């Protein structure tokens, strides 16, 4: 029996928004679901799930679909994306590599 994964309302909303943008971009290009699935390298049912905002689809498939259609996930300008990536790298360099639970202090003298 598989465990049912629950997502926050915000995650569901964002997935539906991205799926809608992907669907609109596909239709503007007049591509069928079958044609688009072949370009992305997935099956037509997976494309329909992406366009519905199904959060069970692999994130790589969703990113590939958006990329092929030119649906922006981040800044459209490559130099801006590079700047954002450097900022994230700098931020990660300042943070610890691993996060551990705080030690429990026993103050029951």
PDB file of N, CA and C in Angstrom:
ATOM      1  N   UNK A   1       0.849  -1.179   0.000  1.00  0.00           N
ATOM      2  CA  UNK A   1       0.000   0.000   0.000  1.00  0.00           C
ATOM      3  C   UNK A   1       0.894   1.242   0.000  1.00  0.00           C
ATOM      4  N   UNK A   2       0.663   2.134  -0.937  1.00  0.00           N
ATOM      5  CA  UNK A   2       1.483   3.337  -1.022  1.00  0.00           C
ATOM      6  C   UNK A   2       0.943   4.423  -0.092  1.00  0.00           C
ATOM      7  N   UNK A   3       1.854   5.210   0.393  1.00  0.00           N
ATOM      8  CA  UNK A   3       1.507   6.286   1.305  1.00  0.00           C
ATOM      9  C   UNK A   3       1.044   7.504   0.501  1.00  0.00           C
ATOM     10  N   UNK A   4      -0.039   8.112   0.916  1.00  0.00           N
ATOM     11  CA  UNK A   4      -0.562   9.288   0.237  1.00  0.00           C
ATOM     12  C   UNK A   4       0.221  10.501   0.702  1.00  0.00           C
ATOM     13  N   UNK A   5       0.780  11.239  -0.247  1.00  0.00           N
ATOM     14  CA  UNK A   5       1.554  12.442   0.062  1.00  0.00           C
ATOM     15  C   UNK A   5       0.621  13.628   0.048  1.00  0.00           C
ATOM     16  N   UNK A   6       0.703  14.441   1.074  1.00  0.00           N
ATOM     17  CA  UNK A   6      -0.129  15.640   1.162  1.00  0.00           C
ATOM     18  C   UNK A   6       0.727  16.866   0.913  1.00  0.00           C
ATOM     19  N   UNK A   7       0.214  17.763   0.104  1.00  0.00           N
ATOM     20  CA  UNK A   7       0.925  18.986  -0.240  1.00  0.00           C
ATOM     21  C   UNK A   7       0.159  20.189   0.280  1.00  0.00           C
ATOM     22  N   UNK A   8       0.900  21.255   0.531  1.00  0.00           N
ATOM     23  CA  UNK A   8       0.281  22.484   1.026  1.00  0.00           C
ATOM     24  C   UNK A   8      -0.557  23.116  -0.078  1.00  0.00           C
ATOM     25  N   UNK A   9      -1.523  23.954   0.291  1.00  0.00           N
ATOM     26  CA  UNK A   9      -2.315  24.653  -0.722  1.00  0.00           C
ATOM     27  C   UNK A   9      -1.454  25.504  -1.661  1.00  0.00           C
ATOM     28  N   UNK A  10      -0.389  26.079  -1.135  1.00  0.00           N
ATOM     29  CA  UNK A  10       0.494  26.910  -1.972  1.00  0.00           C
ATOM     30  C   UNK A  10       1.188  26.043  -3.018  1.00  0.00           C
ATOM     31  N   UNK A  11       1.686  24.879  -2.625  1.00  0.00           N
ATOM     32  CA  UNK A  11       2.357  23.982  -3.571  1.00  0.00           C
ATOM     33  C   UNK A  11       1.387  23.543  -4.666  1.00  0.00           C
ATOM     34  N   UNK A  12       0.158  23.215  -4.292  1.00  0.00           N
ATOM     35  CA  UNK A  12      -0.838  22.803  -5.286  1.00  0.00           C
ATOM     36  C   UNK A  12      -1.172  23.955  -6.232  1.00  0.00           C
ATOM     37  N   UNK A  13      -1.296  25.158  -5.680  1.00  0.00           N
ATOM     38  CA  UNK A  13      -1.614  26.332  -6.495  1.00  0.00           C
ATOM     39  C   UNK A  13      -0.502  26.628  -7.505  1.00  0.00           C
ATOM     40  N   UNK A  14       0.747  26.587  -7.046  1.00  0.00           N
ATOM     41  CA  UNK A  14       1.886  26.869  -7.923  1.00  0.00           C
ATOM     42  C   UNK A  14       1.994  25.804  -9.016  1.00  0.00           C
ATOM     43  N   UNK A  15       1.758  24.542  -8.676  1.00  0.00           N
ATOM     44  CA  UNK A  15       1.820  23.468  -9.671  1.00  0.00           C
ATOM     45  C   UNK A  15       0.734  23.654 -10.730  1.00  0.00           C
ATOM     46  N   UNK A  16      -0.474  24.042 -10.299  1.00  0.00           N
ATOM     47  CA  UNK A  16      -1.550  24.292 -11.264  1.00  0.00           C
ATOM     48  C   UNK A  16      -1.224  25.481 -12.155  1.00  0.00           C
ATOM     49  N   UNK A  17      -0.634  26.527 -11.578  1.00  0.00           N
ATOM     50  CA  UNK A  17      -0.247  27.704 -12.353  1.00  0.00           C
ATOM     51  C   UNK A  17       0.796  27.340 -13.405  1.00  0.00           C
ATOM     52  N   UNK A  18       1.840  26.629 -13.007  1.00  0.00           N
ATOM     53  CA  UNK A  18       2.877  26.232 -13.955  1.00  0.00           C
ATOM     54  C   UNK A  18       2.294  25.300 -15.017  1.00  0.00           C
ATOM     55  N   UNK A  19       1.464  24.354 -14.611  1.00  0.00           N
ATOM     56  CA  UNK A  19       0.822  23.456 -15.571  1.00  0.00           C
ATOM     57  C   UNK A  19      -0.034  24.210 -16.567  1.00  0.00           C
ATOM     58  N   UNK A  20      -0.743  25.214 -16.097  1.00  0.00           N
ATOM     59  CA  UNK A  20      -1.563  26.033 -16.987  1.00  0.00           C
ATOM     60  C   UNK A  20      -0.721  26.804 -17.980  1.00  0.00           C
ATOM     61  N   UNK A  21       0.403  27.336 -17.527  1.00  0.00           N
ATOM     62  CA  UNK A  21       1.298  28.065 -18.430  1.00  0.00           C
ATOM     63  C   UNK A  21       1.877  27.130 -19.489  1.00  0.00           C
ATOM     64  N   UNK A  22       2.238  25.928 -19.073  1.00  0.00           N
ATOM     65  CA  UNK A  22       2.770  24.940 -20.014  1.00  0.00           C
ATOM     66  C   UNK A  22       1.698  24.565 -21.034  1.00  0.00           C
ATOM     67  N   UNK A  23       0.485  24.332 -20.573  1.00  0.00           N
ATOM     68  CA  UNK A  23      -0.619  23.987 -21.465  1.00  0.00           C
ATOM     69  C   UNK A  23      -0.888  25.107 -22.468  1.00  0.00           C
ATOM     70  N   UNK A  24      -0.923  26.338 -22.002  1.00  0.00           N
ATOM     71  CA  UNK A  24      -1.185  27.481 -22.887  1.00  0.00           C
ATOM     72  C   UNK A  24      -0.079  27.615 -23.938  1.00  0.00           C
ATOM     73  N   UNK A  25       1.178  27.457 -23.511  1.00  0.00           N
ATOM     74  CA  UNK A  25       2.290  27.581 -24.453  1.00  0.00           C
ATOM     75  C   UNK A  25       2.247  26.467 -25.491  1.00  0.00           C
ATOM     76  N   UNK A  26       1.887  25.269 -25.079  1.00  0.00           N
ATOM     77  CA  UNK A  26       1.775  24.150 -26.033  1.00  0.00           C
ATOM     78  C   UNK A  26       0.678  24.433 -27.057  1.00  0.00           C
ATOM     79  N   UNK A  27      -0.465  24.901 -26.580  1.00  0.00           N
ATOM     80  CA  UNK A  27      -1.591  25.178 -27.477  1.00  0.00           C
ATOM     81  C   UNK A  27      -1.287  26.337 -28.423  1.00  0.00           C
ATOM     82  N   UNK A  28      -0.564  27.347 -27.943  1.00  0.00           N
ATOM     83  CA  UNK A  28      -0.175  28.457 -28.818  1.00  0.00           C
ATOM     84  C   UNK A  28       0.685  27.965 -29.979  1.00  0.00           C
ATOM     85  N   UNK A  29       1.483  26.953 -29.724  1.00  0.00           N
ATOM     86  CA  UNK A  29       2.335  26.386 -30.770  1.00  0.00           C
ATOM     87  C   UNK A  29       1.583  25.366 -31.627  1.00  0.00           C
ATOM     88  N   UNK A  30       0.347  25.089 -31.248  1.00  0.00           N
ATOM     89  CA  UNK A  30      -0.508  24.133 -31.949  1.00  0.00           C
ATOM     90  C   UNK A  30       0.092  22.736 -31.979  1.00  0.00           C
ATOM     91  N   UNK A  31       0.714  22.353 -30.864  1.00  0.00           N
ATOM     92  CA  UNK A  31       1.253  21.009 -30.723  1.00  0.00           C
ATOM     93  C   UNK A  31       0.218  20.144 -30.027  1.00  0.00           C
ATOM     94  N   UNK A  32       0.037  18.927 -30.505  1.00  0.00           N
ATOM     95  CA  UNK A  32      -0.835  17.993 -29.803  1.00  0.00           C
ATOM     96  C   UNK A  32      -0.104  17.478 -28.560  1.00  0.00           C
ATOM     97  N   UNK A  33      -0.855  16.860 -27.684  1.00  0.00           N
ATOM     98  CA  UNK A  33      -0.243  16.256 -26.495  1.00  0.00           C
ATOM     99  C   UNK A  33       0.766  15.197 -26.933  1.00  0.00           C
ATOM    100  N   UNK A  34       0.419  14.427 -27.952  1.00  0.00           N
ATOM    101  CA  UNK A  34       1.311  13.376 -28.459  1.00  0.00           C
ATOM    102  C   UNK A  34       2.615  13.977 -28.989  1.00  0.00           C
ATOM    103  N   UNK A  35       2.513  15.037 -29.794  1.00  0.00           N
ATOM    104  CA  UNK A  35       3.711  15.676 -30.348  1.00  0.00           C
ATOM    105  C   UNK A  35       4.599  16.228 -29.232  1.00  0.00           C
ATOM    106  N   UNK A  36       3.971  16.861 -28.273  1.00  0.00           N
ATOM    107  CA  UNK A  36       4.726  17.454 -27.171  1.00  0.00           C
ATOM    108  C   UNK A  36       5.374  16.373 -26.311  1.00  0.00           C
ATOM    109  N   UNK A  37       4.654  15.294 -26.061  1.00  0.00           N
ATOM    110  CA  UNK A  37       5.199  14.185 -25.262  1.00  0.00           C
ATOM    111  C   UNK A  37       6.451  13.621 -25.919  1.00  0.00           C
ATOM    112  N   UNK A  38       6.432  13.493 -27.236  1.00  0.00           N
ATOM    113  CA  UNK A  38       7.604  12.990 -27.948  1.00  0.00           C
ATOM    114  C   UNK A  38       8.789  13.934 -27.788  1.00  0.00           C
ATOM    115  N   UNK A  39       8.527  15.234 -27.835  1.00  0.00           N
ATOM    116  CA  UNK A  39       9.610  16.212 -27.680  1.00  0.00           C
ATOM    117  C   UNK A  39      10.195  16.172 -26.269  1.00  0.00           C
ATOM    118  N   UNK A  40       9.331  16.011 -25.276  1.00  0.00           N
ATOM    119  CA  UNK A  40       9.782  15.997 -23.884  1.00  0.00           C
ATOM    120  C   UNK A  40      10.408  14.646 -23.523  1.00  0.00           C
ATOM    121  N   UNK A  41       9.968  13.593 -24.198  1.00  0.00           N
ATOM    122  CA  UNK A  41      10.488  12.263 -23.906  1.00  0.00           C
ATOM    123  C   UNK A  41       9.703  11.546 -22.824  1.00  0.00           C
ATOM    124  N   UNK A  42       8.405  11.854 -22.760  1.00  0.00           N
ATOM    125  CA  UNK A  42       7.521  11.211 -21.791  1.00  0.00           C
ATOM    126  C   UNK A  42       6.274  10.736 -22.532  1.00  0.00           C
ATOM    127  N   UNK A  43       5.357  10.128 -21.811  1.00  0.00           N
ATOM    128  CA  UNK A  43       4.120   9.649 -22.418  1.00  0.00           C
ATOM    129  C   UNK A  43       3.058  10.745 -22.406  1.00  0.00           C
ATOM    130  N   UNK A  44       2.056  10.645 -23.277  1.00  0.00           N
ATOM    131  CA  UNK A  44       0.964  11.629 -23.262  1.00  0.00           C
ATOM    132  C   UNK A  44       0.248  11.749 -21.910  1.00  0.00           C
ATOM    133  N   UNK A  45       0.013  10.628 -21.193  1.00  0.00           N
ATOM    134  CA  UNK A  45      -0.603  10.800 -19.873  1.00  0.00           C
ATOM    135  C   UNK A  45       0.238  11.660 -18.917  1.00  0.00           C
ATOM    136  N   UNK A  46       1.568  11.572 -19.044  1.00  0.00           N
ATOM    137  CA  UNK A  46       2.432  12.398 -18.196  1.00  0.00           C
ATOM    138  C   UNK A  46       2.269  13.865 -18.551  1.00  0.00           C
ATOM    139  N   UNK A  47       2.154  14.182 -19.848  1.00  0.00           N
ATOM    140  CA  UNK A  47       1.928  15.575 -20.255  1.00  0.00           C
ATOM    141  C   UNK A  47       0.612  16.073 -19.686  1.00  0.00           C
ATOM    142  N   UNK A  48      -0.425  15.260 -19.749  1.00  0.00           N
ATOM    143  CA  UNK A  48      -1.721  15.681 -19.192  1.00  0.00           C
ATOM    144  C   UNK A  48      -1.612  15.932 -17.691  1.00  0.00           C
ATOM    145  N   UNK A  49      -0.847  15.103 -16.985  1.00  0.00           N
ATOM    146  CA  UNK A  49      -0.641  15.309 -15.546  1.00  0.00           C
ATOM    147  C   UNK A  49       0.109  16.615 -15.292  1.00  0.00           C
ATOM    148  N   UNK A  50       1.142  16.886 -16.094  1.00  0.00           N
ATOM    149  CA  UNK A  50       1.904  18.129 -15.947  1.00  0.00           C
ATOM    150  C   UNK A  50       0.972  19.320 -16.133  1.00  0.00           C
ATOM    151  N   UNK A  51       0.153  19.271 -17.171  1.00  0.00           N
ATOM    152  CA  UNK A  51      -0.734  20.392 -17.473  1.00  0.00           C
ATOM    153  C   UNK A  51      -1.839  20.563 -16.432  1.00  0.00           C
ATOM    154  N   UNK A  52      -2.196  19.513 -15.726  1.00  0.00           N
ATOM    155  CA  UNK A  52      -3.173  19.602 -14.635  1.00  0.00           C
ATOM    156  C   UNK A  52      -2.535  20.082 -13.331  1.00  0.00           C
ATOM    157  N   UNK A  53      -1.201  20.050 -13.280  1.00  0.00           N
ATOM    158  CA  UNK A  53      -0.514  20.446 -12.058  1.00  0.00           C
ATOM    159  C   UNK A  53      -0.379  19.318 -11.062  1.00  0.00           C
ATOM    160  N   UNK A  54      -0.342  18.095 -11.549  1.00  0.00           N
ATOM    161  CA  UNK A  54      -0.184  16.921 -10.692  1.00  0.00           C
ATOM    162  C   UNK A  54       1.217  16.950 -10.070  1.00  0.00           C
ATOM    163  N   UNK A  55       1.281  16.966  -8.753  1.00  0.00           N
ATOM    164  CA  UNK A  55       2.558  17.050  -8.053  1.00  0.00           C
ATOM    165  C   UNK A  55       3.291  15.718  -7.973  1.00  0.00           C
ATOM    166  N   UNK A  56       2.719  14.667  -8.533  1.00  0.00           N
ATOM    167  CA  UNK A  56       3.374  13.369  -8.537  1.00  0.00           C
ATOM    168  C   UNK A  56       4.319  13.170  -9.707  1.00  0.00           C
ATOM    169  N   UNK A  57       4.340  14.111 -10.653  1.00  0.00           N
ATOM    170  CA  UNK A  57       5.218  14.004 -11.821  1.00  0.00           C
ATOM    171  C   UNK A  57       6.631  14.418 -11.420  1.00  0.00           C
ATOM    172  N   UNK A  58       7.613  13.733 -11.968  1.00  0.00           N
ATOM    173  CA  UNK A  58       9.012  14.040 -11.668  1.00  0.00           C
ATOM    174  C   UNK A  58       9.315  15.492 -12.037  1.00  0.00           C
ATOM    175  N   UNK A  59       9.990  16.170 -11.144  1.00  0.00           N
ATOM    176  CA  UNK A  59      10.296  17.583 -11.350  1.00  0.00           C
ATOM    177  C   UNK A  59      11.134  17.792 -12.609  1.00  0.00           C
ATOM    178  N   UNK A  60      11.997  16.856 -12.940  1.00  0.00           N
ATOM    179  CA  UNK A  60      12.798  16.973 -14.154  1.00  0.00           C
ATOM    180  C   UNK A  60      11.940  16.991 -15.409  1.00  0.00           C
ATOM    181  N   UNK A  61      10.888  16.194 -15.419  1.00  0.00           N
ATOM    182  CA  UNK A  61       9.976  16.181 -16.568  1.00  0.00           C
ATOM    183  C   UNK A  61       9.236  17.505 -16.698  1.00  0.00           C
ATOM    184  N   UNK A  62       8.827  18.065 -15.576  1.00  0.00           N
ATOM    185  CA  UNK A  62       8.128  19.350 -15.598  1.00  0.00           C
ATOM    186  C   UNK A  62       9.071  20.448 -16.075  1.00  0.00           C
ATOM    187  N   UNK A  63      10.300  20.462 -15.558  1.00  0.00           N
ATOM    188  CA  UNK A  63      11.274  21.472 -15.982  1.00  0.00           C
ATOM    189  C   UNK A  63      11.603  21.332 -17.469  1.00  0.00           C
ATOM    190  N   UNK A  64      11.726  20.106 -17.949  1.00  0.00           N
ATOM    191  CA  UNK A  64      12.023  19.883 -19.362  1.00  0.00           C
ATOM    192  C   UNK A  64      10.874  20.392 -20.231  1.00  0.00           C
ATOM    193  N   UNK A  65       9.644  20.106 -19.824  1.00  0.00           N
ATOM    194  CA  UNK A  65       8.486  20.578 -20.581  1.00  0.00           C
ATOM    195  C   UNK A  65       8.463  22.105 -20.632  1.00  0.00           C
ATOM    196  N   UNK A  66       8.692  22.745 -19.504  1.00  0.00           N
ATOM    197  CA  UNK A  66       8.701  24.206 -19.459  1.00  0.00           C
ATOM    198  C   UNK A  66       9.843  24.765 -20.306  1.00  0.00           C
ATOM    199  N   UNK A  67      10.991  24.133 -20.245  1.00  0.00           N
ATOM    200  CA  UNK A  67      12.157  24.596 -20.984  1.00  0.00           C
ATOM    201  C   UNK A  67      11.931  24.514 -22.491  1.00  0.00           C
ATOM    202  N   UNK A  68      11.384  23.412 -22.952  1.00  0.00           N
ATOM    203  CA  UNK A  68      11.134  23.224 -24.381  1.00  0.00           C
ATOM    204  C   UNK A  68      10.188  24.294 -24.917  1.00  0.00           C
ATOM    205  N   UNK A  69       9.208  24.672 -24.101  1.00  0.00           N
ATOM    206  CA  UNK A  69       8.223  25.665 -24.530  1.00  0.00           C
ATOM    207  C   UNK A  69       8.667  27.097 -24.257  1.00  0.00           C
ATOM    208  N   UNK A  70       9.742  27.259 -23.508  1.00  0.00           N
ATOM    209  CA  UNK A  70      10.198  28.605 -23.170  1.00  0.00           C
ATOM    210  C   UNK A  70       9.401  29.246 -22.053  1.00  0.00           C
ATOM    211  N   UNK A  71       8.752  28.426 -21.234  1.00  0.00           N
ATOM    212  CA  UNK A  71       8.008  28.938 -20.080  1.00  0.00           C
ATOM    213  C   UNK A  71       9.025  29.270 -18.995  1.00  0.00           C
ATOM    214  N   UNK A  72       9.110  30.533 -18.589  1.00  0.00           N
ATOM    215  CA  UNK A  72      10.142  30.905 -17.618  1.00  0.00           C
ATOM    216  C   UNK A  72       9.847  30.365 -16.220  1.00  0.00           C
ATOM    217  N   UNK A  73      10.877  29.785 -15.625  1.00  0.00           N
ATOM    218  CA  UNK A  73      10.788  29.348 -14.234  1.00  0.00           C
ATOM    219  C   UNK A  73      11.486  30.356 -13.335  1.00  0.00           C
ATOM    220  N   UNK A  74      12.501  30.976 -13.885  1.00  0.00           N
ATOM    221  CA  UNK A  74      13.278  31.985 -13.181  1.00  0.00           C
ATOM    222  C   UNK A  74      13.459  33.149 -14.143  1.00  0.00           C
ATOM    223  N   UNK A  75      14.394  34.006 -13.868  1.00  0.00           N
ATOM    224  CA  UNK A  75      14.634  35.155 -14.741  1.00  0.00           C
ATOM    225  C   UNK A  75      14.965  34.664 -16.155  1.00  0.00           C
ATOM    226  N   UNK A  76      14.402  35.340 -17.147  1.00  0.00           N
ATOM    227  CA  UNK A  76      14.624  34.946 -18.539  1.00  0.00           C
ATOM    228  C   UNK A  76      16.035  35.280 -19.013  1.00  0.00           C
ATOM    229  N   UNK A  77      16.620  36.317 -18.443  1.00  0.00           N
ATOM    230  CA  UNK A  77      17.950  36.770 -18.850  1.00  0.00           C
ATOM    231  C   UNK A  77      19.018  35.831 -18.279  1.00  0.00           C
ATOM    232  N   UNK A  78      19.831  35.199 -19.146  1.00  0.00           N
ATOM    233  CA  UNK A  78      20.859  34.260 -18.658  1.00  0.00           C
ATOM    234  C   UNK A  78      21.837  34.898 -17.672  1.00  0.00           C
ATOM    235  N   UNK A  79      22.188  36.173 -17.867  1.00  0.00           N
ATOM    236  CA  UNK A  79      23.126  36.804 -16.936  1.00  0.00           C
ATOM    237  C   UNK A  79      22.475  36.987 -15.566  1.00  0.00           C
ATOM    238  N   UNK A  80      21.173  37.235 -15.542  1.00  0.00           N
ATOM    239  CA  UNK A  80      20.464  37.361 -14.263  1.00  0.00           C
ATOM    240  C   UNK A  80      20.407  36.015 -13.547  1.00  0.00           C
ATOM    241  N   UNK A  81      20.158  34.943 -14.316  1.00  0.00           N
ATOM    242  CA  UNK A  81      20.155  33.604 -13.714  1.00  0.00           C
ATOM    243  C   UNK A  81      21.514  33.257 -13.155  1.00  0.00           C
ATOM    244  N   UNK A  82      22.573  33.617 -13.867  1.00  0.00           N
ATOM    245  CA  UNK A  82      23.936  33.359 -13.395  1.00  0.00           C
ATOM    246  C   UNK A  82      24.205  34.128 -12.114  1.00  0.00           C
ATOM    247  N   UNK A  83      23.747  35.375 -12.058  1.00  0.00           N
ATOM    248  CA  UNK A  83      23.908  36.184 -10.853  1.00  0.00           C
ATOM    249  C   UNK A  83      23.155  35.557  -9.682  1.00  0.00           C
ATOM    250  N   UNK A  84      21.922  35.115  -9.934  1.00  0.00           N
ATOM    251  CA  UNK A  84      21.134  34.452  -8.889  1.00  0.00           C
ATOM    252  C   UNK A  84      21.818  33.175  -8.416  1.00  0.00           C
ATOM    253  N   UNK A  85      22.387  32.404  -9.352  1.00  0.00           N
ATOM    254  CA  UNK A  85      23.076  31.158  -8.994  1.00  0.00           C
ATOM    255  C   UNK A  85      24.297  31.451  -8.131  1.00  0.00           C
ATOM    256  N   UNK A  86      25.059  32.487  -8.486  1.00  0.00           N
ATOM    257  CA  UNK A  86      26.226  32.858  -7.670  1.00  0.00           C
ATOM    258  C   UNK A  86      25.792  33.282  -6.276  1.00  0.00           C
ATOM    259  N   UNK A  87      24.675  34.003  -6.192  1.00  0.00           N
ATOM    260  CA  UNK A  87      24.173  34.437  -4.887  1.00  0.00           C
ATOM    261  C   UNK A  87      23.819  33.217  -4.020  1.00  0.00           C
ATOM    262  N   UNK A  88      23.156  32.255  -4.614  1.00  0.00           N
ATOM    263  CA  UNK A  88      22.805  31.031  -3.874  1.00  0.00           C
ATOM    264  C   UNK A  88      24.066  30.284  -3.458  1.00  0.00           C
ATOM    265  N   UNK A  89      25.043  30.191  -4.365  1.00  0.00           N
ATOM    266  CA  UNK A  89      26.312  29.523  -4.026  1.00  0.00           C
ATOM    267  C   UNK A  89      27.008  30.219  -2.865  1.00  0.00           C
ATOM    268  N   UNK A  90      27.028  31.555  -2.880  1.00  0.00           N
ATOM    269  CA  UNK A  90      27.631  32.321  -1.780  1.00  0.00           C
ATOM    270  C   UNK A  90      26.896  32.079  -0.472  1.00  0.00           C
ATOM    271  N   UNK A  91      25.587  32.060  -0.548  1.00  0.00           N
ATOM    272  CA  UNK A  91      24.774  31.832   0.648  1.00  0.00           C
ATOM    273  C   UNK A  91      25.038  30.432   1.213  1.00  0.00           C
ATOM    274  N   UNK A  92      25.082  29.433   0.333  1.00  0.00           N
ATOM    275  CA  UNK A  92      25.339  28.063   0.780  1.00  0.00           C
ATOM    276  C   UNK A  92      26.739  27.910   1.365  1.00  0.00           C
ATOM    277  N   UNK A  93      27.706  28.668   0.854  1.00  0.00           N
ATOM    278  CA  UNK A  93      29.072  28.595   1.371  1.00  0.00           C
ATOM    279  C   UNK A  93      29.144  29.079   2.814  1.00  0.00           C
ATOM    280  N   UNK A  94      28.251  29.973   3.195  1.00  0.00           N
ATOM    281  CA  UNK A  94      28.254  30.513   4.552  1.00  0.00           C
ATOM    282  C   UNK A  94      27.493  29.647   5.549  1.00  0.00           C
ATOM    283  N   UNK A  95      26.693  28.742   5.043  1.00  0.00           N
ATOM    284  CA  UNK A  95      25.881  27.895   5.911  1.00  0.00           C
ATOM    285  C   UNK A  95      26.592  26.570   6.168  1.00  0.00           C
ATOM    286  N   UNK A  96      26.271  25.897   7.275  1.00  0.00           N
ATOM    287  CA  UNK A  96      26.914  24.612   7.554  1.00  0.00           C
ATOM    288  C   UNK A  96      26.538  23.574   6.495  1.00  0.00           C
ATOM    289  N   UNK A  97      27.451  22.621   6.263  1.00  0.00           N
ATOM    290  CA  UNK A  97      27.210  21.558   5.289  1.00  0.00           C
ATOM    291  C   UNK A  97      26.083  20.627   5.735  1.00  0.00           C
ATOM    292  N   UNK A  98      26.043  20.373   7.030  1.00  0.00           N
ATOM    293  CA  UNK A  98      25.005  19.510   7.583  1.00  0.00           C
ATOM    294  C   UNK A  98      24.280  20.243   8.684  1.00  0.00           C
ATOM    295  N   UNK A  99      23.033  19.902   8.855  1.00  0.00           N
ATOM    296  CA  UNK A  99      22.237  20.480   9.940  1.00  0.00           C
ATOM    297  C   UNK A  99      21.934  19.359  10.917  1.00  0.00           C
ATOM    298  N   UNK A 100      22.252  19.607  12.166  1.00  0.00           N
ATOM    299  CA  UNK A 100      22.013  18.606  13.208  1.00  0.00           C
ATOM    300  C   UNK A 100      20.987  19.142  14.183  1.00  0.00           C
ATOM    301  N   UNK A 101      20.339  18.223  14.826  1.00  0.00           N
ATOM    302  CA  UNK A 101      19.397  18.634  15.873  1.00  0.00           C
ATOM    303  C   UNK A 101      20.161  19.269  17.010  1.00  0.00           C
ATOM    304  N   UNK A 102      19.594  20.309  17.605  1.00  0.00           N
ATOM    305  CA  UNK A 102      20.268  20.912  18.754  1.00  0.00           C
ATOM    306  C   UNK A 102      20.356  19.890  19.894  1.00  0.00           C
ATOM    307  N   UNK A 103      21.466  19.943  20.600  1.00  0.00           N
ATOM    308  CA  UNK A 103      21.653  19.052  21.736  1.00  0.00           C
ATOM    309  C   UNK A 103      20.623  19.403  22.813  1.00  0.00           C
ATOM    310  N   UNK A 104      20.097  18.389  23.419  1.00  0.00           N
ATOM    311  CA  UNK A 104      19.111  18.608  24.476  1.00  0.00           C
ATOM    312  C   UNK A 104      19.852  18.942  25.766  1.00  0.00           C
ATOM    313  N   UNK A 105      19.525  20.064  26.341  1.00  0.00           N
ATOM    314  CA  UNK A 105      20.180  20.494  27.567  1.00  0.00           C
ATOM    315  C   UNK A 105      19.419  19.911  28.743  1.00  0.00           C
ATOM    316  N   UNK A 106      20.180  19.233  29.601  1.00  0.00           N
ATOM    317  CA  UNK A 106      19.571  18.658  30.817  1.00  0.00           C
ATOM    318  C   UNK A 106      19.882  19.586  31.969  1.00  0.00           C
ATOM    319  N   UNK A 107      18.902  20.307  32.397  1.00  0.00           N
ATOM    320  CA  UNK A 107      19.112  21.244  33.508  1.00  0.00           C
ATOM    321  C   UNK A 107      18.331  20.837  34.745  1.00  0.00           C
ATOM    322  N   UNK A 108      18.151  19.552  34.967  1.00  0.00           N
ATOM    323  CA  UNK A 108      17.428  19.074  36.146  1.00  0.00           C
ATOM    324  C   UNK A 108      18.423  18.662  37.242  1.00  0.00           C
ATOM    325  N   UNK A 109      18.990  19.666  37.880  1.00  0.00           N
ATOM    326  CA  UNK A 109      20.017  19.452  38.905  1.00  0.00           C
ATOM    327  C   UNK A 109      19.448  18.833  40.129  1.00  0.00           C
TER     328      UNK A 109
END
